[in-house]
Amino acid sequence: MRYILWGMVKEGYYFGLPLLVLGGAAYLAQWTIAAVVLVCLALFVFSFFRDPERVIPDGRGAIVSPGDGRVVVVTDEEYAGRPGKRISIFLAVWNVHVNRAPAAGVITRMEYRPGKFLAAMRERASMENEQNVFTLSTDAGELVFKQIAGLIARRVVSWKQEGERVARGERIGLVRFGSRVDVWVPKDAEILVRVGENVKGGSSVLASWLPKAANSHLNELQDLASDANATPVGKQN
C-alpha cells in the first residue's frame, strides 16, 4: 500500500500538484486561459496515475493481464530457445498504467534493457524499446512479462526486485504516459484472448496454464471418462 495514496500512485502528486499550483497562480494573476490549461493538465495527470482496486480471479492456472489496454498481438514466438506464445497489449494514455503480476510466483530475474521509444503500437517495440523484463517462476513453470516504454512514455518503473515473491494481480510497477506490456507463455498454455479485445490489469484472464501434474491428472480423468463412455465393439450373440 506504500505506492497508493487515496486511489492514485504517489507519482501522480509529483507531476500533478505543481501544475495545479501553477494554475492557481495563473488564476490569481488573471491569466484565465493559462489557468484553465494548467488545471486541465493537472486533472489529466491525476487521472493518468489512478490506481483502482481490481477483483483478482482465483481459478487455478489463470494468467491475468499485466495492464489495461487492447490486445494488439497474439503470436507464436520462441523465447530463449523455447517455443511459446506472446500476447502484446497496448496501453493508451487514458488507460490505467499501473502494471500487475500475471501469475503468482517468484521473480527469478529482472532485467532493464535501454532502447528506443518507438510508438508502442508497432511490432518492433517489443524488441527495440526501453523495457523491464521479468522472469517469473510459477507452479507451472517459467513465464516472462515485460513493461515496455512507448513514444510518449519515457520511463518504465518497477517496484519489485529479483527474489521477491508476488501474488497473482499484485502491483509491480507502472509505465508513464502510453506504453505496452507483453506476456510470454510456453506453448502448452491455452490462450483465451484475441486481437482487438480490451482487457483490464489483474482481472482479465489472458491464458490458462496448469501445472504439468495437474495436466497429467486431467488427461487421466479424460481417458477414464472416454473408456467409460465407449461402446463395446465385437461379435454379438
C-alpha atoms as a PDB file:
ATOM      1  CA  MET A   1       0.000   0.000   0.000  1.00  0.00           C
ATOM      2  CA  ARG A   2       3.024   2.339   0.171  1.00  0.00           C
ATOM      3  CA  TYR A   3       2.526   3.003  -3.565  1.00  0.00           C
ATOM      4  CA  ILE A   4      -1.069   4.140  -3.212  1.00  0.00           C
ATOM      5  CA  LEU A   5      -2.352   7.478  -1.888  1.00  0.00           C
ATOM      6  CA  TRP A   6      -6.101   7.892  -1.994  1.00  0.00           C
ATOM      7  CA  GLY A   7      -6.606   5.741  -5.088  1.00  0.00           C
ATOM      8  CA  MET A   8      -3.655   7.167  -7.004  1.00  0.00           C
ATOM      9  CA  VAL A   9       0.012   6.195  -7.110  1.00  0.00           C
ATOM     10  CA  LYS A  10       2.305   8.725  -5.456  1.00  0.00           C
ATOM     11  CA  GLU A  11       3.882   9.753  -8.785  1.00  0.00           C
ATOM     12  CA  GLY A  12       0.582  11.439  -9.593  1.00  0.00           C
ATOM     13  CA  TYR A  13       1.183  14.001  -6.867  1.00  0.00           C
ATOM     14  CA  TYR A  14       4.736  14.705  -8.024  1.00  0.00           C
ATOM     15  CA  PHE A  15       3.562  15.550 -11.536  1.00  0.00           C
ATOM     16  CA  GLY A  16       0.056  16.881 -10.870  1.00  0.00           C
ATOM     17  CA  LEU A  17       0.401  19.168  -7.853  1.00  0.00           C
ATOM     18  CA  PRO A  18       2.950  21.566  -9.455  1.00  0.00           C
ATOM     19  CA  LEU A  19       0.595  22.027 -12.406  1.00  0.00           C
ATOM     20  CA  LEU A  20      -2.299  22.675 -10.036  1.00  0.00           C
ATOM     21  CA  VAL A  21      -0.286  25.233  -8.069  1.00  0.00           C
ATOM     22  CA  LEU A  22       0.792  26.995 -11.266  1.00  0.00           C
ATOM     23  CA  GLY A  23      -2.830  27.008 -12.424  1.00  0.00           C
ATOM     24  CA  GLY A  24      -3.870  28.672  -9.165  1.00  0.00           C
ATOM     25  CA  ALA A  25      -1.128  31.263  -9.511  1.00  0.00           C
ATOM     26  CA  ALA A  26      -2.155  31.976 -13.104  1.00  0.00           C
ATOM     27  CA  TYR A  27      -5.775  32.421 -11.983  1.00  0.00           C
ATOM     28  CA  LEU A  28      -4.732  34.908  -9.269  1.00  0.00           C
ATOM     29  CA  ALA A  29      -2.720  36.778 -11.893  1.00  0.00           C
ATOM     30  CA  GLN A  30      -5.889  36.851 -14.055  1.00  0.00           C
ATOM     31  CA  TRP A  31      -4.295  34.750 -16.808  1.00  0.00           C
ATOM     32  CA  THR A  32      -7.529  32.862 -17.251  1.00  0.00           C
ATOM     33  CA  ILE A  33      -6.659  30.816 -20.340  1.00  0.00           C
ATOM     34  CA  ALA A  34      -3.314  29.719 -18.895  1.00  0.00           C
ATOM     35  CA  ALA A  35      -5.022  28.827 -15.612  1.00  0.00           C
ATOM     36  CA  VAL A  36      -7.630  26.675 -17.351  1.00  0.00           C
ATOM     37  CA  VAL A  37      -4.982  24.868 -19.409  1.00  0.00           C
ATOM     38  CA  LEU A  38      -2.794  24.159 -16.373  1.00  0.00           C
ATOM     39  CA  VAL A  39      -5.690  22.928 -14.247  1.00  0.00           C
ATOM     40  CA  CYS A  40      -6.883  20.645 -17.075  1.00  0.00           C
ATOM     41  CA  LEU A  41      -3.359  19.230 -17.415  1.00  0.00           C
ATOM     42  CA  ALA A  42      -3.260  18.608 -13.662  1.00  0.00           C
ATOM     43  CA  LEU A  43      -6.585  16.760 -13.784  1.00  0.00           C
ATOM     44  CA  PHE A  44      -5.317  14.669 -16.702  1.00  0.00           C
ATOM     45  CA  VAL A  45      -2.184  13.733 -14.753  1.00  0.00           C
ATOM     46  CA  PHE A  46      -4.233  12.779 -11.684  1.00  0.00           C
ATOM     47  CA  SER A  47      -6.439  10.622 -13.906  1.00  0.00           C
ATOM     48  CA  PHE A  48      -3.442   9.008 -15.607  1.00  0.00           C
ATOM     49  CA  PHE A  49      -1.946   7.877 -12.300  1.00  0.00           C
ATOM     50  CA  ARG A  50      -5.194   6.499 -10.872  1.00  0.00           C
ATOM     51  CA  ASP A  51      -4.967   3.064  -9.308  1.00  0.00           C
ATOM     52  CA  PRO A  52      -8.362   1.363  -8.922  1.00  0.00           C
ATOM     53  CA  GLU A  53      -8.839  -1.843  -6.964  1.00  0.00           C
ATOM     54  CA  ARG A  54      -9.441  -4.986  -9.027  1.00  0.00           C
ATOM     55  CA  VAL A  55     -11.105  -8.346  -8.397  1.00  0.00           C
ATOM     56  CA  ILE A  56      -8.369 -10.935  -8.965  1.00  0.00           C
ATOM     57  CA  PRO A  57      -9.530 -14.303 -10.437  1.00  0.00           C
ATOM     58  CA  ASP A  58      -8.731 -17.286  -8.220  1.00  0.00           C
ATOM     59  CA  GLY A  59      -9.051 -20.021 -10.856  1.00  0.00           C
ATOM     60  CA  ARG A  60      -6.117 -22.441 -10.930  1.00  0.00           C
ATOM     61  CA  GLY A  61      -3.767 -21.791 -13.834  1.00  0.00           C
ATOM     62  CA  ALA A  62      -5.220 -18.379 -14.710  1.00  0.00           C
ATOM     63  CA  ILE A  63      -2.727 -15.948 -16.295  1.00  0.00           C
ATOM     64  CA  VAL A  64      -4.078 -12.412 -15.900  1.00  0.00           C
ATOM     65  CA  SER A  65      -3.293  -9.284 -17.872  1.00  0.00           C
ATOM     66  CA  PRO A  66      -0.368  -7.188 -16.554  1.00  0.00           C
ATOM     67  CA  GLY A  67      -2.114  -4.000 -17.668  1.00  0.00           C
ATOM     68  CA  ASP A  68      -5.196  -2.270 -19.025  1.00  0.00           C
ATOM     69  CA  GLY A  69      -5.495  -1.830 -22.770  1.00  0.00           C
ATOM     70  CA  ARG A  70      -6.175  -3.540 -26.073  1.00  0.00           C
ATOM     71  CA  VAL A  71      -4.682  -6.816 -27.281  1.00  0.00           C
ATOM     72  CA  VAL A  72      -2.685  -5.980 -30.414  1.00  0.00           C
ATOM     73  CA  VAL A  73      -0.671  -9.186 -30.938  1.00  0.00           C
ATOM     74  CA  VAL A  74      -1.191 -12.887 -30.259  1.00  0.00           C
ATOM     75  CA  THR A  75       1.555 -14.890 -31.936  1.00  0.00           C
ATOM     76  CA  ASP A  76       3.789 -17.941 -31.716  1.00  0.00           C
ATOM     77  CA  GLU A  77       7.252 -16.918 -30.557  1.00  0.00           C
ATOM     78  CA  GLU A  78      10.359 -18.589 -29.199  1.00  0.00           C
ATOM     79  CA  TYR A  79      11.975 -17.205 -26.070  1.00  0.00           C
ATOM     80  CA  ALA A  80      15.481 -18.339 -25.082  1.00  0.00           C
ATOM     81  CA  GLY A  81      15.091 -21.244 -27.490  1.00  0.00           C
ATOM     82  CA  ARG A  82      11.771 -22.399 -26.025  1.00  0.00           C
ATOM     83  CA  PRO A  83       8.624 -22.452 -28.178  1.00  0.00           C
ATOM     84  CA  GLY A  84       5.763 -20.420 -26.823  1.00  0.00           C
ATOM     85  CA  LYS A  85       3.232 -17.680 -27.430  1.00  0.00           C
ATOM     86  CA  ARG A  86       3.355 -13.909 -26.927  1.00  0.00           C
ATOM     87  CA  ILE A  87       0.449 -11.626 -26.084  1.00  0.00           C
ATOM     88  CA  SER A  88       1.053  -7.874 -26.508  1.00  0.00           C
ATOM     89  CA  ILE A  89      -1.245  -5.238 -25.017  1.00  0.00           C
ATOM     90  CA  PHE A  90      -1.205  -1.557 -25.964  1.00  0.00           C
ATOM     91  CA  LEU A  91      -1.937   0.964 -23.210  1.00  0.00           C
ATOM     92  CA  ALA A  92      -3.348   4.266 -24.454  1.00  0.00           C
ATOM     93  CA  VAL A  93      -2.908   7.458 -22.433  1.00  0.00           C
ATOM     94  CA  TRP A  94      -6.428   7.124 -20.987  1.00  0.00           C
ATOM     95  CA  ASN A  95      -5.829   3.598 -19.647  1.00  0.00           C
ATOM     96  CA  VAL A  96      -4.731   2.772 -16.104  1.00  0.00           C
ATOM     97  CA  HIS A  97      -0.937   2.430 -16.240  1.00  0.00           C
ATOM     98  CA  VAL A  98      -0.272   0.526 -13.024  1.00  0.00           C
ATOM     99  CA  ASN A  99       1.092  -2.902 -14.002  1.00  0.00           C
ATOM    100  CA  ARG A 100       0.333  -6.150 -12.193  1.00  0.00           C
ATOM    101  CA  ALA A 101       1.886  -9.609 -11.921  1.00  0.00           C
ATOM    102  CA  PRO A 102       0.230 -12.046 -14.375  1.00  0.00           C
ATOM    103  CA  ALA A 103       0.632 -15.012 -12.010  1.00  0.00           C
ATOM    104  CA  ALA A 104       1.802 -15.937  -8.528  1.00  0.00           C
ATOM    105  CA  GLY A 105       5.454 -16.874  -8.203  1.00  0.00           C
ATOM    106  CA  VAL A 106       8.998 -15.711  -7.576  1.00  0.00           C
ATOM    107  CA  ILE A 107      10.773 -13.133  -9.740  1.00  0.00           C
ATOM    108  CA  THR A 108      13.909 -15.097 -10.612  1.00  0.00           C
ATOM    109  CA  ARG A 109      15.297 -12.474 -12.952  1.00  0.00           C
ATOM    110  CA  MET A 110      14.589  -8.812 -13.667  1.00  0.00           C
ATOM    111  CA  GLU A 111      16.480  -7.092 -16.462  1.00  0.00           C
ATOM    112  CA  TYR A 112      16.376  -3.457 -17.528  1.00  0.00           C
ATOM    113  CA  ARG A 113      17.028  -3.022 -21.250  1.00  0.00           C
ATOM    114  CA  PRO A 114      17.668   0.500 -22.572  1.00  0.00           C
ATOM    115  CA  GLY A 115      16.325   1.122 -26.040  1.00  0.00           C
ATOM    116  CA  LYS A 116      14.319   3.252 -28.427  1.00  0.00           C
ATOM    117  CA  PHE A 117      10.974   4.988 -27.926  1.00  0.00           C
ATOM    118  CA  LEU A 118       9.051   3.766 -30.957  1.00  0.00           C
ATOM    119  CA  ALA A 119       5.259   4.035 -30.932  1.00  0.00           C
ATOM    120  CA  ALA A 120       4.068   1.208 -28.655  1.00  0.00           C
ATOM    121  CA  MET A 121       1.595   0.013 -31.325  1.00  0.00           C
ATOM    122  CA  ARG A 122       4.472  -1.009 -33.604  1.00  0.00           C
ATOM    123  CA  GLU A 123       5.578  -4.644 -33.612  1.00  0.00           C
ATOM    124  CA  ARG A 124       9.256  -3.675 -33.285  1.00  0.00           C
ATOM    125  CA  ALA A 125       8.542  -2.018 -29.924  1.00  0.00           C
ATOM    126  CA  SER A 126       8.578  -5.420 -28.192  1.00  0.00           C
ATOM    127  CA  MET A 127      12.243  -5.889 -29.086  1.00  0.00           C
ATOM    128  CA  GLU A 128      13.695  -2.412 -29.597  1.00  0.00           C
ATOM    129  CA  ASN A 129      12.080  -0.125 -26.992  1.00  0.00           C
ATOM    130  CA  GLU A 130      13.258   0.552 -23.454  1.00  0.00           C
ATOM    131  CA  GLN A 131      11.838  -2.143 -21.189  1.00  0.00           C
ATOM    132  CA  ASN A 132      11.896  -4.085 -17.930  1.00  0.00           C
ATOM    133  CA  VAL A 133      11.867  -7.859 -18.467  1.00  0.00           C
ATOM    134  CA  PHE A 134      10.628 -10.073 -15.615  1.00  0.00           C
ATOM    135  CA  THR A 135      11.147 -13.839 -15.483  1.00  0.00           C
ATOM    136  CA  LEU A 136       8.586 -15.336 -13.130  1.00  0.00           C
ATOM    137  CA  SER A 137       8.838 -18.854 -11.723  1.00  0.00           C
ATOM    138  CA  THR A 138       5.344 -20.273 -11.128  1.00  0.00           C
ATOM    139  CA  ASP A 139       3.901 -23.648 -10.161  1.00  0.00           C
ATOM    140  CA  ALA A 140       3.518 -24.440 -13.866  1.00  0.00           C
ATOM    141  CA  GLY A 141       6.981 -23.246 -14.934  1.00  0.00           C
ATOM    142  CA  GLU A 142       8.600 -20.011 -16.097  1.00  0.00           C
ATOM    143  CA  LEU A 143       6.794 -17.209 -17.887  1.00  0.00           C
ATOM    144  CA  VAL A 144       8.092 -13.809 -18.978  1.00  0.00           C
ATOM    145  CA  PHE A 145       6.410 -10.430 -18.965  1.00  0.00           C
ATOM    146  CA  LYS A 146       7.640  -7.001 -19.983  1.00  0.00           C
ATOM    147  CA  GLN A 147       6.980  -3.339 -19.249  1.00  0.00           C
ATOM    148  CA  ILE A 148       7.728  -1.502 -22.493  1.00  0.00           C
ATOM    149  CA  ALA A 149       8.090   2.251 -22.953  1.00  0.00           C
ATOM    150  CA  GLY A 150       6.386   3.948 -25.903  1.00  0.00           C
ATOM    151  CA  LEU A 151       6.582   7.122 -27.948  1.00  0.00           C
ATOM    152  CA  ILE A 152       5.285   9.298 -25.122  1.00  0.00           C
ATOM    153  CA  ALA A 153       6.190   7.075 -22.177  1.00  0.00           C
ATOM    154  CA  ARG A 154       9.832   7.718 -21.393  1.00  0.00           C
ATOM    155  CA  ARG A 155      10.341   5.672 -18.287  1.00  0.00           C
ATOM    156  CA  VAL A 156       9.487   2.179 -17.062  1.00  0.00           C
ATOM    157  CA  VAL A 157       9.197   1.927 -13.281  1.00  0.00           C
ATOM    158  CA  SER A 158       9.393  -1.288 -11.265  1.00  0.00           C
ATOM    159  CA  TRP A 159       8.537  -1.609  -7.580  1.00  0.00           C
ATOM    160  CA  LYS A 160       9.940  -5.142  -7.276  1.00  0.00           C
ATOM    161  CA  GLN A 161      13.338  -6.822  -7.135  1.00  0.00           C
ATOM    162  CA  GLU A 162      14.785 -10.201  -8.035  1.00  0.00           C
ATOM    163  CA  GLY A 163      13.953 -12.869  -5.487  1.00  0.00           C
ATOM    164  CA  GLU A 164      10.660 -11.320  -4.408  1.00  0.00           C
ATOM    165  CA  ARG A 165       7.525 -13.414  -4.336  1.00  0.00           C
ATOM    166  CA  VAL A 166       4.435 -11.870  -5.900  1.00  0.00           C
ATOM    167  CA  ALA A 167       0.773 -12.797  -5.845  1.00  0.00           C
ATOM    168  CA  ARG A 168      -1.372 -13.001  -8.944  1.00  0.00           C
ATOM    169  CA  GLY A 169      -2.583  -9.491  -9.776  1.00  0.00           C
ATOM    170  CA  GLU A 170      -0.200  -7.789  -7.333  1.00  0.00           C
ATOM    171  CA  ARG A 171       1.013  -4.320  -8.330  1.00  0.00           C
ATOM    172  CA  ILE A 172       4.565  -4.444  -9.675  1.00  0.00           C
ATOM    173  CA  GLY A 173       5.159  -1.007 -11.262  1.00  0.00           C
ATOM    174  CA  LEU A 174       3.995   1.380 -13.971  1.00  0.00           C
ATOM    175  CA  VAL A 175       4.984   2.961 -17.276  1.00  0.00           C
ATOM    176  CA  ARG A 176       4.452   6.683 -17.655  1.00  0.00           C
ATOM    177  CA  PHE A 177       2.161   8.085 -20.369  1.00  0.00           C
ATOM    178  CA  GLY A 178       1.296   5.455 -23.002  1.00  0.00           C
ATOM    179  CA  SER A 179       3.055   2.123 -23.309  1.00  0.00           C
ATOM    180  CA  ARG A 180       2.891  -1.620 -23.944  1.00  0.00           C
ATOM    181  CA  VAL A 181       3.052  -4.824 -21.912  1.00  0.00           C
ATOM    182  CA  ASP A 182       3.974  -8.281 -23.217  1.00  0.00           C
ATOM    183  CA  VAL A 183       3.371 -11.719 -21.727  1.00  0.00           C
ATOM    184  CA  TRP A 184       5.194 -14.813 -22.993  1.00  0.00           C
ATOM    185  CA  VAL A 185       3.994 -18.298 -22.010  1.00  0.00           C
ATOM    186  CA  PRO A 186       5.154 -21.759 -23.144  1.00  0.00           C
ATOM    187  CA  LYS A 187       3.328 -23.492 -25.971  1.00  0.00           C
ATOM    188  CA  ASP A 188       1.246 -25.727 -23.669  1.00  0.00           C
ATOM    189  CA  ALA A 189      -0.633 -22.710 -22.276  1.00  0.00           C
ATOM    190  CA  GLU A 190      -4.122 -22.153 -23.685  1.00  0.00           C
ATOM    191  CA  ILE A 191      -4.620 -18.611 -24.992  1.00  0.00           C
ATOM    192  CA  LEU A 192      -8.056 -17.209 -24.117  1.00  0.00           C
ATOM    193  CA  VAL A 193      -7.979 -13.764 -25.771  1.00  0.00           C
ATOM    194  CA  ARG A 194      -7.938 -12.494 -29.336  1.00  0.00           C
ATOM    195  CA  VAL A 195      -6.524  -9.467 -31.090  1.00  0.00           C
ATOM    196  CA  GLY A 196      -8.792  -6.449 -30.606  1.00  0.00           C
ATOM    197  CA  GLU A 197     -10.105  -7.418 -27.163  1.00  0.00           C
ATOM    198  CA  ASN A 198      -9.943  -4.878 -24.327  1.00  0.00           C
ATOM    199  CA  VAL A 199      -8.500  -6.199 -21.083  1.00  0.00           C
ATOM    200  CA  LYS A 200      -8.025  -4.978 -17.518  1.00  0.00           C
ATOM    201  CA  GLY A 201      -4.880  -5.436 -15.477  1.00  0.00           C
ATOM    202  CA  GLY A 202      -5.169  -8.038 -12.759  1.00  0.00           C
ATOM    203  CA  SER A 203      -8.714  -9.110 -13.595  1.00  0.00           C
ATOM    204  CA  SER A 204      -8.845 -10.182 -17.272  1.00  0.00           C
ATOM    205  CA  VAL A 205      -7.639 -13.753 -17.890  1.00  0.00           C
ATOM    206  CA  LEU A 206      -5.293 -13.971 -20.893  1.00  0.00           C
ATOM    207  CA  ALA A 207      -4.455 -17.666 -20.758  1.00  0.00           C
ATOM    208  CA  SER A 208      -4.836 -20.886 -18.818  1.00  0.00           C
ATOM    209  CA  TRP A 209      -1.658 -22.706 -17.844  1.00  0.00           C
ATOM    210  CA  LEU A 210      -1.991 -25.588 -15.409  1.00  0.00           C
ATOM    211  CA  PRO A 211       0.977 -27.254 -13.715  1.00  0.00           C
ATOM    212  CA  LYS A 212       2.134 -30.410 -15.538  1.00  0.00           C
ATOM    213  CA  ALA A 213       0.988 -32.644 -12.694  1.00  0.00           C
ATOM    214  CA  ALA A 214      -2.487 -31.134 -12.916  1.00  0.00           C
ATOM    215  CA  ASN A 215      -2.485 -31.551 -16.706  1.00  0.00           C
ATOM    216  CA  SER A 216      -1.493 -35.222 -16.378  1.00  0.00           C
ATOM    217  CA  HIS A 217      -4.229 -35.832 -13.814  1.00  0.00           C
ATOM    218  CA  LEU A 218      -6.738 -34.079 -16.060  1.00  0.00           C
ATOM    219  CA  ASN A 219      -5.719 -36.238 -19.028  1.00  0.00           C
ATOM    220  CA  GLU A 220      -6.090 -39.386 -16.925  1.00  0.00           C
ATOM    221  CA  LEU A 221      -9.597 -38.344 -15.879  1.00  0.00           C
ATOM    222  CA  GLN A 222     -10.488 -37.627 -19.511  1.00  0.00           C
ATOM    223  CA  ASP A 223      -9.152 -41.050 -20.587  1.00  0.00           C
ATOM    224  CA  LEU A 224     -11.154 -42.788 -17.872  1.00  0.00           C
ATOM    225  CA  ALA A 225     -14.264 -40.888 -18.925  1.00  0.00           C
ATOM    226  CA  SER A 226     -13.687 -41.876 -22.559  1.00  0.00           C
ATOM    227  CA  ASP A 227     -13.270 -45.554 -21.590  1.00  0.00           C
ATOM    228  CA  ALA A 228     -16.410 -45.474 -19.501  1.00  0.00           C
ATOM    229  CA  ASN A 229     -18.449 -43.942 -22.314  1.00  0.00           C
ATOM    230  CA  ALA A 230     -17.020 -46.140 -25.078  1.00  0.00           C
ATOM    231  CA  THR A 231     -19.418 -48.547 -26.825  1.00  0.00           C
ATOM    232  CA  PRO A 232     -18.086 -52.153 -26.843  1.00  0.00           C
ATOM    233  CA  VAL A 233     -17.371 -53.387 -30.363  1.00  0.00           C
ATOM    234  CA  GLY A 234     -17.318 -57.095 -31.192  1.00  0.00           C
ATOM    235  CA  LYS A 235     -19.362 -60.158 -32.109  1.00  0.00           C
ATOM    236  CA  GLN A 236     -22.862 -60.092 -30.716  1.00  0.00           C
ATOM    237  CA  ASN A 237     -24.610 -63.308 -29.647  1.00  0.00           C
END
